[in-house]
Amino acid sequence: MFRTPVLPTYDRGMTDRFIEVSLDKRGVSCTAKLLDDRAPITCNAVWDALPLGGDVYHAKYARNEIYALLAPFAPEEPPLENPTITPIPGDLCYFTFTDTQLGTKSYGYESKAAHQGRATVVDLALFYERNNLLINGDAGWVPGIVWGSVVDGLDRMADACQDLWRAGALGETLTFRRA
C-alpha cells in the first residue's frame, strides 16, 4: 500500500519564502528571503513561530548588527547549520545563548531586560554593513546560523540602524513577520 509522505513545513518544491524585518518606531523595514536550502531546520522553526519581535539592541562587539533577544520558540534548538563567524550585509542570523552567557554587566543589559532569568535565550539578528566578526571577549568565537538574506530595502534599514546606534535604541522594537 502506498502512503503519502508527511512533508515538513517547507518543501523544496514550494516557492521561496519571504519575511519583513522592521524597526517599528522608526517605520523602516526590509524584505528577506529565507535560505531554506542552506538552513532548513532553522528556517522552519522561525517561520512556524512568526511573528517574532522584541526590544532591539545594537551590537557592542560584532559591530554592524541589530538584534532582539527572545524566549525559545522551536520544539528543539536548531543545529548549527549554515554557520558563520563573519556575517555579511543582509545576513539574518540565529544564535542560542544560556542565561549565564548574557549575564555579564559588560554587555549593558539592564537588570529588568525581558530576557533576564531565562535558561535559554534566542538572538535573532540582522547584519546591515560589512566588517563583522563574531568574537566575544569572554567566550571566544560565537558562530551563528545564517537563515535569511535581505533582498530589498537594506539601504533604508542600514540608515535606520546607524540612527539607532547614534540616537539610541530605547523604545524601539525589532520585528520579524511573514511578508
N, C-alpha and C. Protein backbone atom coordinates (compact mmCIF):
# COMPACT_ATOMS: atom_id res chain seq x y z
N MET A 1 0.84 -1.18 0.00
CA MET A 1 0.00 0.00 0.00
C MET A 1 0.89 1.24 0.00
N PHE A 2 0.53 2.21 -0.81
CA PHE A 2 1.31 3.44 -0.93
C PHE A 2 0.79 4.47 0.07
N ARG A 3 1.72 5.07 0.80
CA ARG A 3 1.36 6.13 1.74
C ARG A 3 1.90 7.46 1.24
N THR A 4 1.12 8.48 1.40
CA THR A 4 1.58 9.81 1.06
C THR A 4 2.51 10.26 2.17
N PRO A 5 3.73 10.68 1.82
CA PRO A 5 4.65 11.11 2.87
C PRO A 5 4.20 12.40 3.54
N VAL A 6 4.52 12.51 4.81
CA VAL A 6 4.24 13.74 5.54
C VAL A 6 5.40 14.68 5.26
N LEU A 7 5.08 15.81 4.66
CA LEU A 7 6.12 16.76 4.28
C LEU A 7 6.42 17.72 5.43
N PRO A 8 7.66 18.17 5.52
CA PRO A 8 7.98 19.19 6.54
C PRO A 8 7.24 20.48 6.21
N THR A 9 7.34 21.44 7.12
CA THR A 9 6.67 22.72 6.93
C THR A 9 6.97 23.31 5.56
N TYR A 10 8.20 23.19 5.12
CA TYR A 10 8.59 23.73 3.82
C TYR A 10 9.10 22.60 2.95
N ASP A 11 8.59 22.52 1.75
CA ASP A 11 9.03 21.53 0.78
C ASP A 11 9.77 22.27 -0.32
N ARG A 12 10.89 21.74 -0.76
CA ARG A 12 11.70 22.44 -1.77
C ARG A 12 10.95 22.69 -3.07
N GLY A 13 9.86 22.00 -3.29
CA GLY A 13 9.06 22.24 -4.49
C GLY A 13 8.21 23.50 -4.37
N MET A 14 8.13 24.04 -3.18
CA MET A 14 7.32 25.24 -2.96
C MET A 14 8.09 26.47 -3.42
N THR A 15 7.40 27.57 -3.49
CA THR A 15 8.04 28.82 -3.87
C THR A 15 8.86 29.35 -2.70
N ASP A 16 9.70 30.31 -2.98
CA ASP A 16 10.53 30.91 -1.95
C ASP A 16 9.67 31.58 -0.88
N ARG A 17 10.21 31.63 0.33
CA ARG A 17 9.50 32.29 1.44
C ARG A 17 10.24 33.58 1.80
N PHE A 18 9.44 34.59 2.13
CA PHE A 18 9.99 35.91 2.44
C PHE A 18 9.41 36.41 3.75
N ILE A 19 10.22 37.20 4.45
CA ILE A 19 9.75 37.85 5.68
C ILE A 19 10.07 39.34 5.61
N GLU A 20 9.37 40.08 6.44
CA GLU A 20 9.64 41.50 6.62
C GLU A 20 10.33 41.67 7.96
N VAL A 21 11.40 42.43 7.96
CA VAL A 21 12.13 42.77 9.18
C VAL A 21 11.96 44.26 9.37
N SER A 22 11.50 44.67 10.55
CA SER A 22 11.21 46.10 10.71
C SER A 22 11.67 46.65 12.05
N LEU A 23 12.01 47.92 12.01
CA LEU A 23 12.20 48.73 13.20
C LEU A 23 10.91 49.54 13.31
N ASP A 24 10.06 49.13 14.22
CA ASP A 24 8.68 49.61 14.24
C ASP A 24 8.54 51.10 14.53
N LYS A 25 9.20 51.61 15.55
CA LYS A 25 9.09 53.03 15.91
C LYS A 25 9.60 53.93 14.79
N ARG A 26 10.65 53.49 14.12
CA ARG A 26 11.23 54.28 13.03
C ARG A 26 10.47 54.10 11.72
N GLY A 27 9.57 53.12 11.66
CA GLY A 27 8.77 52.90 10.45
C GLY A 27 9.58 52.44 9.25
N VAL A 28 10.64 51.68 9.50
CA VAL A 28 11.52 51.22 8.42
C VAL A 28 11.49 49.70 8.38
N SER A 29 11.48 49.14 7.17
CA SER A 29 11.51 47.69 7.04
C SER A 29 12.30 47.29 5.80
N CYS A 30 12.65 46.01 5.79
CA CYS A 30 13.30 45.42 4.63
C CYS A 30 12.71 44.02 4.44
N THR A 31 12.94 43.45 3.28
CA THR A 31 12.42 42.12 2.96
C THR A 31 13.59 41.16 2.83
N ALA A 32 13.43 39.99 3.44
CA ALA A 32 14.47 38.96 3.39
C ALA A 32 13.90 37.65 2.87
N LYS A 33 14.74 36.93 2.15
CA LYS A 33 14.39 35.59 1.66
C LYS A 33 14.96 34.57 2.63
N LEU A 34 14.14 33.60 3.01
CA LEU A 34 14.63 32.52 3.85
C LEU A 34 15.55 31.61 3.04
N LEU A 35 16.63 31.16 3.65
CA LEU A 35 17.61 30.29 3.00
C LEU A 35 17.27 28.83 3.31
N ASP A 36 16.10 28.41 2.83
CA ASP A 36 15.60 27.06 3.11
C ASP A 36 16.54 25.97 2.63
N ASP A 37 17.29 26.23 1.57
CA ASP A 37 18.19 25.21 1.04
C ASP A 37 19.45 25.06 1.89
N ARG A 38 19.79 26.06 2.69
CA ARG A 38 21.01 26.02 3.49
C ARG A 38 20.78 25.82 4.98
N ALA A 39 19.63 26.27 5.47
CA ALA A 39 19.31 26.17 6.90
C ALA A 39 17.85 25.79 7.08
N PRO A 40 17.45 24.63 6.56
CA PRO A 40 16.03 24.26 6.56
C PRO A 40 15.40 24.12 7.95
N ILE A 41 16.13 23.59 8.90
CA ILE A 41 15.57 23.39 10.24
C ILE A 41 15.34 24.75 10.91
N THR A 42 16.32 25.62 10.80
CA THR A 42 16.19 26.95 11.40
C THR A 42 15.09 27.75 10.72
N CYS A 43 15.05 27.70 9.39
CA CYS A 43 14.00 28.43 8.65
C CYS A 43 12.62 27.96 9.07
N ASN A 44 12.43 26.66 9.18
CA ASN A 44 11.12 26.14 9.60
C ASN A 44 10.77 26.58 11.01
N ALA A 45 11.75 26.55 11.91
CA ALA A 45 11.50 26.96 13.30
C ALA A 45 11.06 28.42 13.36
N VAL A 46 11.77 29.28 12.64
CA VAL A 46 11.43 30.71 12.65
C VAL A 46 10.07 30.93 11.98
N TRP A 47 9.90 30.37 10.79
CA TRP A 47 8.66 30.57 10.03
C TRP A 47 7.43 30.15 10.83
N ASP A 48 7.53 29.01 11.48
CA ASP A 48 6.40 28.49 12.25
C ASP A 48 6.08 29.36 13.47
N ALA A 49 7.06 30.13 13.95
CA ALA A 49 6.85 30.94 15.14
C ALA A 49 6.47 32.40 14.84
N LEU A 50 6.57 32.81 13.58
CA LEU A 50 6.29 34.21 13.23
C LEU A 50 4.86 34.60 13.55
N PRO A 51 4.63 35.86 13.94
CA PRO A 51 5.59 36.96 14.06
C PRO A 51 6.38 36.86 15.36
N LEU A 52 7.60 37.38 15.32
CA LEU A 52 8.50 37.43 16.47
C LEU A 52 9.06 38.83 16.59
N GLY A 53 9.34 39.24 17.80
CA GLY A 53 9.95 40.55 17.97
C GLY A 53 10.15 40.89 19.42
N GLY A 54 10.86 41.97 19.62
CA GLY A 54 11.13 42.44 20.97
C GLY A 54 11.99 43.68 20.94
N ASP A 55 12.42 44.09 22.12
CA ASP A 55 13.32 45.26 22.23
C ASP A 55 14.52 45.03 21.33
N VAL A 56 14.92 46.08 20.63
CA VAL A 56 16.09 45.97 19.75
C VAL A 56 17.34 46.42 20.51
N TYR A 57 18.42 45.76 20.21
CA TYR A 57 19.74 46.13 20.73
C TYR A 57 20.67 46.32 19.54
N HIS A 58 21.63 47.21 19.68
CA HIS A 58 22.68 47.34 18.68
C HIS A 58 23.91 46.65 19.23
N ALA A 59 24.59 45.87 18.41
CA ALA A 59 25.76 45.13 18.86
C ALA A 59 26.83 46.05 19.41
N LYS A 60 27.51 45.52 20.40
CA LYS A 60 28.62 46.23 21.03
C LYS A 60 29.94 45.70 20.50
N TYR A 61 30.01 44.39 20.26
CA TYR A 61 31.25 43.76 19.85
C TYR A 61 31.26 43.34 18.38
N ALA A 62 30.16 42.84 17.87
CA ALA A 62 30.13 42.32 16.50
C ALA A 62 30.10 43.42 15.44
N ARG A 63 29.83 44.61 15.83
CA ARG A 63 29.86 45.82 15.00
C ARG A 63 28.51 46.16 14.41
N ASN A 64 28.26 45.82 13.16
CA ASN A 64 27.10 46.34 12.41
C ASN A 64 25.93 45.37 12.46
N GLU A 65 25.39 45.21 13.66
CA GLU A 65 24.35 44.22 13.93
C GLU A 65 23.29 44.83 14.84
N ILE A 66 22.02 44.53 14.53
CA ILE A 66 20.93 44.79 15.46
C ILE A 66 20.28 43.45 15.75
N TYR A 67 19.68 43.34 16.93
CA TYR A 67 19.10 42.05 17.30
C TYR A 67 18.04 42.21 18.37
N ALA A 68 17.22 41.16 18.50
CA ALA A 68 16.23 41.05 19.56
C ALA A 68 16.50 39.75 20.31
N LEU A 69 16.34 39.78 21.62
CA LEU A 69 16.53 38.60 22.47
C LEU A 69 15.16 38.05 22.83
N LEU A 70 14.94 36.77 22.48
CA LEU A 70 13.62 36.16 22.59
C LEU A 70 13.63 34.89 23.42
N ALA A 71 12.48 34.53 23.92
CA ALA A 71 12.32 33.23 24.56
C ALA A 71 12.41 32.15 23.47
N PRO A 72 12.91 30.97 23.81
CA PRO A 72 12.98 29.90 22.81
C PRO A 72 11.59 29.62 22.24
N PHE A 73 11.53 29.36 20.95
CA PHE A 73 10.24 29.13 20.30
C PHE A 73 10.20 27.86 19.48
N ALA A 74 11.33 27.20 19.27
CA ALA A 74 11.39 25.97 18.48
C ALA A 74 11.19 24.77 19.40
N PRO A 75 10.61 23.68 18.88
CA PRO A 75 10.47 22.47 19.70
C PRO A 75 11.83 22.00 20.24
N GLU A 76 12.88 22.13 19.44
CA GLU A 76 14.27 21.89 19.83
C GLU A 76 15.11 22.97 19.19
N GLU A 77 16.17 23.36 19.84
CA GLU A 77 17.05 24.36 19.24
C GLU A 77 17.68 23.77 17.98
N PRO A 78 17.71 24.55 16.89
CA PRO A 78 18.29 24.06 15.64
C PRO A 78 19.77 23.74 15.79
N PRO A 79 20.25 22.79 14.99
CA PRO A 79 21.69 22.53 14.97
C PRO A 79 22.41 23.67 14.27
N LEU A 80 23.70 23.70 14.37
CA LEU A 80 24.49 24.77 13.76
C LEU A 80 24.62 24.51 12.26
N GLU A 81 23.54 24.84 11.52
CA GLU A 81 23.55 24.66 10.06
C GLU A 81 23.86 26.00 9.41
N ASN A 82 24.57 25.97 8.31
CA ASN A 82 24.99 27.17 7.58
C ASN A 82 25.65 28.20 8.51
N PRO A 83 26.67 27.77 9.26
CA PRO A 83 27.28 28.67 10.25
C PRO A 83 28.21 29.71 9.65
N THR A 84 28.37 30.79 10.41
CA THR A 84 29.33 31.83 10.05
C THR A 84 29.86 32.49 11.31
N ILE A 85 31.06 33.04 11.20
CA ILE A 85 31.58 33.96 12.21
C ILE A 85 31.89 35.30 11.56
N THR A 86 31.61 35.40 10.25
CA THR A 86 31.85 36.64 9.51
C THR A 86 30.63 36.99 8.67
N PRO A 87 29.52 37.36 9.32
CA PRO A 87 28.32 37.70 8.56
C PRO A 87 28.53 38.89 7.64
N ILE A 88 27.81 38.88 6.53
CA ILE A 88 27.90 39.95 5.54
C ILE A 88 26.62 40.79 5.58
N PRO A 89 26.63 41.97 4.96
CA PRO A 89 25.44 42.81 4.96
C PRO A 89 24.23 42.05 4.41
N GLY A 90 23.13 42.13 5.16
CA GLY A 90 21.89 41.49 4.77
C GLY A 90 21.68 40.12 5.39
N ASP A 91 22.68 39.56 6.06
CA ASP A 91 22.51 38.26 6.71
C ASP A 91 21.58 38.37 7.91
N LEU A 92 20.68 37.40 8.02
CA LEU A 92 19.88 37.20 9.23
C LEU A 92 20.50 36.00 9.94
N CYS A 93 20.82 36.16 11.20
CA CYS A 93 21.46 35.09 11.95
C CYS A 93 20.64 34.71 13.19
N TYR A 94 20.81 33.46 13.58
CA TYR A 94 20.13 32.87 14.74
C TYR A 94 21.22 32.40 15.69
N PHE A 95 21.11 32.82 16.96
CA PHE A 95 22.05 32.41 17.99
C PHE A 95 21.25 31.88 19.18
N THR A 96 21.83 30.94 19.90
CA THR A 96 21.26 30.48 21.15
C THR A 96 22.29 30.71 22.25
N PHE A 97 21.83 31.30 23.35
CA PHE A 97 22.71 31.56 24.49
C PHE A 97 22.07 31.03 25.77
N THR A 98 22.91 30.73 26.75
CA THR A 98 22.40 30.38 28.07
C THR A 98 22.28 31.66 28.89
N ASP A 99 21.58 31.57 30.00
CA ASP A 99 21.40 32.75 30.84
C ASP A 99 22.73 33.31 31.33
N THR A 100 23.69 32.46 31.62
CA THR A 100 24.97 32.96 32.13
C THR A 100 25.82 33.62 31.04
N GLN A 101 25.64 33.21 29.79
CA GLN A 101 26.43 33.83 28.71
C GLN A 101 26.08 35.29 28.50
N LEU A 102 24.85 35.67 28.80
CA LEU A 102 24.44 37.07 28.62
C LEU A 102 24.29 37.81 29.95
N GLY A 103 24.80 37.23 31.02
CA GLY A 103 24.61 37.82 32.34
C GLY A 103 25.66 38.82 32.76
N THR A 104 26.76 38.91 32.04
CA THR A 104 27.84 39.81 32.41
C THR A 104 27.42 41.27 32.24
N LYS A 105 27.70 42.09 33.23
CA LYS A 105 27.32 43.51 33.17
C LYS A 105 27.94 44.24 31.98
N SER A 106 29.06 43.74 31.48
CA SER A 106 29.74 44.42 30.38
C SER A 106 28.89 44.46 29.11
N TYR A 107 27.87 43.60 29.02
CA TYR A 107 27.02 43.61 27.83
C TYR A 107 26.04 44.76 27.83
N GLY A 108 25.79 45.35 28.99
CA GLY A 108 24.95 46.53 29.06
C GLY A 108 23.46 46.28 29.16
N TYR A 109 23.04 45.04 29.43
CA TYR A 109 21.61 44.77 29.57
C TYR A 109 21.16 45.19 30.96
N GLU A 110 20.07 45.91 31.00
CA GLU A 110 19.54 46.33 32.29
C GLU A 110 19.01 45.11 33.05
N SER A 111 18.96 45.22 34.36
CA SER A 111 18.56 44.08 35.19
C SER A 111 17.11 43.66 34.94
N LYS A 112 16.30 44.56 34.41
CA LYS A 112 14.90 44.23 34.15
C LYS A 112 14.63 43.88 32.68
N ALA A 113 15.68 43.65 31.90
CA ALA A 113 15.50 43.28 30.49
C ALA A 113 14.68 41.99 30.40
N ALA A 114 13.84 41.90 29.39
CA ALA A 114 12.90 40.78 29.26
C ALA A 114 13.57 39.42 29.23
N HIS A 115 14.80 39.34 28.75
CA HIS A 115 15.46 38.03 28.65
C HIS A 115 16.09 37.58 29.96
N GLN A 116 16.24 38.46 30.94
CA GLN A 116 16.88 38.10 32.20
C GLN A 116 16.10 36.99 32.91
N GLY A 117 16.81 36.01 33.42
CA GLY A 117 16.19 34.91 34.16
C GLY A 117 15.77 33.73 33.31
N ARG A 118 15.92 33.81 32.00
CA ARG A 118 15.59 32.68 31.12
C ARG A 118 16.80 31.75 31.03
N ALA A 119 16.56 30.45 31.08
CA ALA A 119 17.66 29.48 30.97
C ALA A 119 18.28 29.51 29.58
N THR A 120 17.44 29.76 28.56
CA THR A 120 17.90 29.82 27.18
C THR A 120 17.36 31.10 26.56
N VAL A 121 18.21 31.76 25.78
CA VAL A 121 17.81 33.00 25.10
C VAL A 121 18.14 32.84 23.62
N VAL A 122 17.18 33.18 22.76
CA VAL A 122 17.40 33.15 21.31
C VAL A 122 17.64 34.59 20.86
N ASP A 123 18.64 34.75 20.03
CA ASP A 123 19.03 36.04 19.49
C ASP A 123 18.78 35.97 17.98
N LEU A 124 17.84 36.78 17.48
CA LEU A 124 17.62 36.91 16.04
C LEU A 124 18.23 38.24 15.62
N ALA A 125 19.16 38.17 14.68
CA ALA A 125 19.96 39.34 14.33
C ALA A 125 19.92 39.66 12.85
N LEU A 126 20.10 40.94 12.56
CA LEU A 126 20.27 41.45 11.20
C LEU A 126 21.61 42.17 11.15
N PHE A 127 22.43 41.79 10.18
CA PHE A 127 23.70 42.47 9.94
C PHE A 127 23.50 43.41 8.76
N TYR A 128 23.85 44.68 8.94
CA TYR A 128 23.49 45.68 7.93
C TYR A 128 24.68 46.31 7.21
N GLU A 129 25.88 45.99 7.60
CA GLU A 129 27.05 46.56 6.96
C GLU A 129 28.19 45.56 7.04
N ARG A 130 29.31 45.85 6.40
CA ARG A 130 30.46 44.95 6.33
C ARG A 130 31.30 44.96 7.60
N ASN A 131 32.33 44.09 7.58
CA ASN A 131 33.38 44.03 8.59
C ASN A 131 32.89 43.61 9.97
N ASN A 132 32.10 42.54 9.99
CA ASN A 132 31.61 41.97 11.24
C ASN A 132 32.44 40.74 11.59
N LEU A 133 32.69 40.56 12.86
CA LEU A 133 33.43 39.40 13.33
C LEU A 133 32.80 38.95 14.64
N LEU A 134 32.33 37.72 14.65
CA LEU A 134 31.60 37.21 15.81
C LEU A 134 32.56 36.59 16.81
N ILE A 135 33.18 37.46 17.58
CA ILE A 135 34.07 37.03 18.65
C ILE A 135 33.67 37.77 19.92
N ASN A 136 33.70 37.06 21.01
CA ASN A 136 33.29 37.59 22.29
C ASN A 136 34.49 37.53 23.23
N GLY A 137 34.78 38.61 23.90
CA GLY A 137 35.93 38.68 24.78
C GLY A 137 35.88 37.69 25.92
N ASP A 138 34.69 37.30 26.34
CA ASP A 138 34.54 36.34 27.44
C ASP A 138 34.55 34.89 26.96
N ALA A 139 34.03 34.64 25.76
CA ALA A 139 33.80 33.26 25.33
C ALA A 139 34.54 32.82 24.07
N GLY A 140 35.06 33.76 23.31
CA GLY A 140 35.73 33.40 22.05
C GLY A 140 34.77 33.49 20.87
N TRP A 141 34.98 32.62 19.90
CA TRP A 141 34.16 32.63 18.68
C TRP A 141 32.70 32.33 18.99
N VAL A 142 31.81 33.03 18.32
CA VAL A 142 30.37 32.85 18.52
C VAL A 142 29.74 32.61 17.15
N PRO A 143 29.74 31.38 16.65
CA PRO A 143 29.15 31.13 15.34
C PRO A 143 27.63 31.27 15.38
N GLY A 144 27.09 31.83 14.30
CA GLY A 144 25.65 31.97 14.16
C GLY A 144 25.17 31.21 12.94
N ILE A 145 23.88 30.93 12.92
CA ILE A 145 23.24 30.26 11.79
C ILE A 145 22.70 31.33 10.85
N VAL A 146 23.16 31.34 9.61
CA VAL A 146 22.62 32.27 8.61
C VAL A 146 21.38 31.61 8.01
N TRP A 147 20.21 32.19 8.28
CA TRP A 147 18.96 31.58 7.86
C TRP A 147 18.17 32.45 6.88
N GLY A 148 18.62 33.67 6.64
CA GLY A 148 17.92 34.56 5.71
C GLY A 148 18.87 35.59 5.15
N SER A 149 18.44 36.20 4.04
CA SER A 149 19.25 37.22 3.37
C SER A 149 18.33 38.33 2.87
N VAL A 150 18.65 39.57 3.21
CA VAL A 150 17.84 40.71 2.79
C VAL A 150 17.96 40.88 1.28
N VAL A 151 16.81 40.99 0.62
CA VAL A 151 16.77 41.13 -0.83
C VAL A 151 16.22 42.49 -1.27
N ASP A 152 15.65 43.25 -0.34
CA ASP A 152 15.12 44.57 -0.68
C ASP A 152 15.09 45.44 0.57
N GLY A 153 15.57 46.68 0.43
CA GLY A 153 15.46 47.66 1.49
C GLY A 153 16.61 47.71 2.48
N LEU A 154 17.72 47.04 2.18
CA LEU A 154 18.84 47.04 3.12
C LEU A 154 19.41 48.44 3.30
N ASP A 155 19.43 49.25 2.25
CA ASP A 155 19.97 50.60 2.37
C ASP A 155 19.17 51.44 3.36
N ARG A 156 17.85 51.38 3.28
CA ARG A 156 17.00 52.12 4.23
C ARG A 156 17.18 51.59 5.65
N MET A 157 17.26 50.27 5.78
CA MET A 157 17.42 49.66 7.09
C MET A 157 18.79 50.03 7.68
N ALA A 158 19.83 50.04 6.86
CA ALA A 158 21.17 50.40 7.33
C ALA A 158 21.19 51.84 7.86
N ASP A 159 20.52 52.74 7.16
CA ASP A 159 20.43 54.13 7.64
C ASP A 159 19.74 54.19 9.00
N ALA A 160 18.65 53.44 9.14
CA ALA A 160 17.92 53.41 10.41
C ALA A 160 18.76 52.77 11.52
N CYS A 161 19.55 51.77 11.18
CA CYS A 161 20.43 51.12 12.17
C CYS A 161 21.52 52.08 12.64
N GLN A 162 22.05 52.89 11.73
CA GLN A 162 23.04 53.89 12.12
C GLN A 162 22.40 54.93 13.04
N ASP A 163 21.16 55.31 12.75
CA ASP A 163 20.44 56.23 13.61
C ASP A 163 20.22 55.61 14.99
N LEU A 164 19.88 54.34 15.01
CA LEU A 164 19.67 53.62 16.26
C LEU A 164 20.97 53.62 17.08
N TRP A 165 22.10 53.39 16.41
CA TRP A 165 23.41 53.40 17.08
C TRP A 165 23.70 54.76 17.70
N ARG A 166 23.41 55.82 16.96
CA ARG A 166 23.75 57.17 17.42
C ARG A 166 22.71 57.75 18.36
N ALA A 167 21.42 57.55 18.07
CA ALA A 167 20.36 58.19 18.84
C ALA A 167 19.85 57.33 19.99
N GLY A 168 20.09 56.02 19.92
CA GLY A 168 19.65 55.14 20.99
C GLY A 168 18.53 54.20 20.58
N ALA A 169 18.46 53.10 21.29
CA ALA A 169 17.51 52.04 20.96
C ALA A 169 16.30 52.00 21.89
N LEU A 170 16.30 52.77 22.97
CA LEU A 170 15.20 52.71 23.92
C LEU A 170 13.86 52.99 23.25
N GLY A 171 12.90 52.12 23.52
CA GLY A 171 11.57 52.28 22.95
C GLY A 171 11.40 51.73 21.56
N GLU A 172 12.46 51.22 20.96
CA GLU A 172 12.40 50.66 19.60
C GLU A 172 12.28 49.15 19.66
N THR A 173 11.55 48.59 18.72
CA THR A 173 11.40 47.14 18.63
C THR A 173 11.84 46.65 17.26
N LEU A 174 12.36 45.44 17.25
CA LEU A 174 12.74 44.74 16.03
C LEU A 174 11.74 43.61 15.85
N THR A 175 11.08 43.59 14.68
CA THR A 175 10.02 42.61 14.43
C THR A 175 10.30 41.84 13.15
N PHE A 176 10.02 40.55 13.21
CA PHE A 176 10.12 39.65 12.08
C PHE A 176 8.72 39.10 11.83
N ARG A 177 8.22 39.26 10.60
CA ARG A 177 6.87 38.74 10.27
C ARG A 177 6.86 38.25 8.82
N ARG A 178 5.90 37.42 8.50
CA ARG A 178 5.78 36.92 7.13
C ARG A 178 5.46 38.08 6.19
N ALA A 179 6.11 38.08 5.03
CA ALA A 179 5.88 39.14 4.04
C ALA A 179 4.72 38.77 3.13
